[in-house]
N, C-alpha and C. Protein backbone atom coordinates (compact mmCIF):
# COMPACT_ATOMS: atom_id res chain seq x y z
N MET A 1 121.59 131.04 118.34
CA MET A 1 121.53 130.00 116.39
C MET A 1 121.61 130.39 115.65
N ASN A 2 122.71 130.25 114.39
CA ASN A 2 123.55 130.64 113.68
C ASN A 2 122.97 130.61 112.47
N ARG A 3 122.56 130.62 111.39
CA ARG A 3 122.15 130.99 109.59
C ARG A 3 121.43 129.21 109.39
N LYS A 4 123.36 128.74 109.64
CA LYS A 4 123.23 127.07 108.78
C LYS A 4 123.24 126.34 109.65
N ASP A 5 123.14 125.92 111.67
CA ASP A 5 122.14 125.90 112.26
C ASP A 5 120.71 125.09 111.90
N PHE A 6 119.84 126.85 111.40
CA PHE A 6 119.16 127.24 111.51
C PHE A 6 118.31 125.88 110.30
N PHE A 7 118.79 126.55 109.22
CA PHE A 7 118.82 125.76 108.25
C PHE A 7 118.74 124.14 108.05
N LYS A 8 118.98 123.94 108.66
CA LYS A 8 119.47 122.71 109.27
C LYS A 8 119.13 121.49 109.74
N HIS A 9 119.13 122.42 110.99
CA HIS A 9 117.04 122.34 111.79
C HIS A 9 116.04 121.98 110.72
N GLY A 10 115.64 123.49 110.29
CA GLY A 10 114.92 123.12 109.32
C GLY A 10 114.61 122.50 108.88
N GLY A 11 115.70 122.08 107.89
CA GLY A 11 115.64 121.00 106.95
C GLY A 11 115.68 119.82 107.47
N ARG A 12 115.55 118.95 108.98
CA ARG A 12 115.57 117.84 109.60
C ARG A 12 113.93 117.53 109.94
N TRP A 13 113.37 118.77 110.36
CA TRP A 13 111.73 118.75 110.65
C TRP A 13 110.77 118.52 109.74
N ILE A 14 111.72 119.51 108.95
CA ILE A 14 110.94 119.30 107.06
C ILE A 14 110.73 117.53 106.49
N LEU A 15 111.65 117.41 105.92
CA LEU A 15 111.76 116.42 106.39
C LEU A 15 111.19 115.17 106.96
N LEU A 16 110.81 115.13 108.59
CA LEU A 16 110.73 114.74 109.30
C LEU A 16 109.01 114.83 109.11
N SER A 17 108.51 115.94 109.12
CA SER A 17 106.32 116.42 108.83
C SER A 17 106.52 115.22 107.84
N GLY A 18 107.63 115.47 106.68
CA GLY A 18 107.28 115.44 104.98
C GLY A 18 106.98 113.20 105.12
N PHE A 19 107.73 112.59 106.20
CA PHE A 19 107.48 111.20 106.42
C PHE A 19 106.06 110.19 107.42
N GLY A 20 106.12 112.06 108.17
CA GLY A 20 104.13 111.30 109.02
C GLY A 20 103.64 111.62 107.94
N VAL A 21 102.95 112.58 107.44
CA VAL A 21 102.62 112.98 106.73
C VAL A 21 102.14 112.17 105.66
N LEU A 22 102.84 111.71 105.11
CA LEU A 22 103.56 109.86 104.16
C LEU A 22 102.60 109.12 105.05
N SER A 23 103.39 108.14 106.17
CA SER A 23 103.07 107.11 106.07
C SER A 23 101.57 107.59 107.33
N ALA A 24 101.23 108.35 107.38
CA ALA A 24 99.85 108.81 108.08
C ALA A 24 98.88 108.65 106.25
N PHE A 25 98.87 109.64 105.37
CA PHE A 25 98.28 109.13 104.29
C PHE A 25 97.79 108.65 103.97
N LEU A 26 99.32 106.98 104.12
CA LEU A 26 99.05 105.97 103.60
C LEU A 26 98.41 104.73 104.07
N ALA A 27 99.02 105.40 105.98
CA ALA A 27 97.37 104.47 106.54
C ALA A 27 96.29 104.88 106.67
N TYR A 28 95.78 105.97 105.73
CA TYR A 28 94.53 106.21 105.70
C TYR A 28 93.81 104.70 104.78
N ASN A 29 94.66 105.54 103.78
CA ASN A 29 93.94 104.91 102.66
C ASN A 29 93.77 103.62 102.62
N GLN A 30 94.58 102.88 103.54
CA GLN A 30 95.04 101.11 102.98
C GLN A 30 95.77 101.41 102.79
N LYS A 31 96.77 101.22 102.33
CA LYS A 31 98.22 100.85 101.60
C LYS A 31 98.78 100.31 102.44
N ILE A 32 98.81 101.00 103.28
CA ILE A 32 99.27 99.61 104.11
C ILE A 32 98.69 99.00 105.19
N VAL A 33 98.97 96.73 104.74
CA VAL A 33 98.01 96.64 105.38
C VAL A 33 98.72 95.42 105.93
N THR A 34 98.89 94.19 107.03
CA THR A 34 99.30 92.98 106.74
C THR A 34 99.16 92.19 106.04
N PRO A 35 100.05 91.44 106.49
CA PRO A 35 100.72 90.03 104.77
C PRO A 35 99.32 89.13 106.12
N GLU A 36 98.59 88.71 107.02
CA GLU A 36 98.17 87.60 107.35
C GLU A 36 97.10 88.33 106.76
N ASN A 37 96.10 89.25 107.08
CA ASN A 37 94.72 89.36 107.37
C ASN A 37 94.18 90.36 105.64
N CYS A 38 92.91 91.23 105.73
CA CYS A 38 92.61 92.23 104.62
C CYS A 38 91.80 93.04 105.66
N SER A 39 92.21 93.99 106.45
CA SER A 39 91.16 95.25 107.03
C SER A 39 90.13 96.55 105.82
N VAL A 40 89.86 95.83 104.56
CA VAL A 40 89.51 96.30 103.58
C VAL A 40 88.49 96.10 103.11
N ALA A 41 87.89 95.13 102.74
CA ALA A 41 86.59 93.51 103.67
C ALA A 41 87.38 92.41 103.06
N PRO A 42 85.85 91.92 104.35
CA PRO A 42 85.89 90.66 104.46
C PRO A 42 86.15 89.07 102.82
N GLN A 43 85.25 89.93 102.71
CA GLN A 43 84.76 88.56 100.50
C GLN A 43 84.99 89.31 99.99
N CYS A 44 86.48 88.81 99.54
CA CYS A 44 87.57 89.11 98.31
C CYS A 44 87.11 89.50 96.88
N LYS A 45 85.63 88.52 97.09
CA LYS A 45 85.53 88.84 95.81
C LYS A 45 84.71 90.35 96.01
N SER A 46 84.22 91.24 96.79
CA SER A 46 83.42 92.24 97.29
C SER A 46 84.49 93.23 96.94
N CYS A 47 85.88 93.35 96.72
CA CYS A 47 86.77 94.45 97.64
C CYS A 47 87.29 94.29 96.57
N GLY A 48 87.57 96.10 96.70
CA GLY A 48 88.23 96.93 94.92
C GLY A 48 89.96 96.33 94.71
N LYS A 49 90.04 96.25 95.12
CA LYS A 49 91.01 95.76 94.89
C LYS A 49 91.47 94.33 94.74
N TYR A 50 90.44 92.88 94.81
CA TYR A 50 91.26 92.18 94.89
C TYR A 50 91.63 91.67 93.59
N ALA A 51 91.66 92.61 92.12
CA ALA A 51 92.01 92.00 91.37
C ALA A 51 93.92 92.01 91.39
N GLN A 52 94.24 93.60 92.44
CA GLN A 52 95.89 94.13 92.02
C GLN A 52 95.67 92.88 93.79
N CYS A 53 94.74 92.45 94.19
CA CYS A 53 95.57 92.58 95.75
C CYS A 53 96.46 91.30 95.90
N GLU A 54 97.87 91.01 96.45
CA GLU A 54 98.65 90.62 96.62
C GLU A 54 98.48 89.34 98.10
N LEU A 55 97.70 89.44 98.52
CA LEU A 55 98.41 87.99 99.81
C LEU A 55 97.51 87.43 100.05
N PRO A 56 98.15 86.60 100.60
CA PRO A 56 97.97 85.11 100.25
C PRO A 56 96.33 84.65 100.20
N GLN A 57 95.31 85.52 100.95
CA GLN A 57 93.51 85.33 100.41
C GLN A 57 93.47 85.39 99.75
N ALA A 58 93.49 86.42 99.28
CA ALA A 58 92.94 86.69 97.76
C ALA A 58 93.55 86.10 96.35
N ASP A 59 95.23 85.02 96.81
CA ASP A 59 95.18 84.68 95.71
C ASP A 59 94.67 83.87 95.41
N LYS A 60 95.05 82.52 97.44
CA LYS A 60 93.75 81.61 97.32
C LYS A 60 91.50 81.36 96.72
N GLU A 61 91.76 82.82 97.59
CA GLU A 61 90.64 83.19 96.22
C GLU A 61 89.74 83.08 94.62
N ARG A 62 91.50 83.71 94.18
CA ARG A 62 91.89 83.29 92.36
C ARG A 62 91.88 82.48 92.13
N LYS A 63 91.69 81.27 92.79
CA LYS A 63 93.10 79.64 92.29
C LYS A 63 91.70 78.61 92.49
N ASP A 64 90.76 79.23 93.11
CA ASP A 64 89.76 78.53 94.10
C ASP A 64 88.90 78.57 93.28
N GLY A 65 88.26 80.33 92.06
CA GLY A 65 87.48 80.59 91.33
C GLY A 65 86.76 79.76 90.30
N LYS A 66 89.14 79.19 89.89
CA LYS A 66 89.05 78.89 88.40
C LYS A 66 88.81 77.42 87.56
């Protein structure tokens, strides 16, 4: 393997590792959720993300509460 191939392959592995770490970080911090349901709190008003939540159940809770 010459120096050019070493840097090319090394750059690919660094990018792949970065995407993996970023995905794991977002999944761990519950930034990735399915649009159908929420995995943080079953009761929206007790959730810390209630004001910024874009899920349909949070929208319904905000409309019903007003």
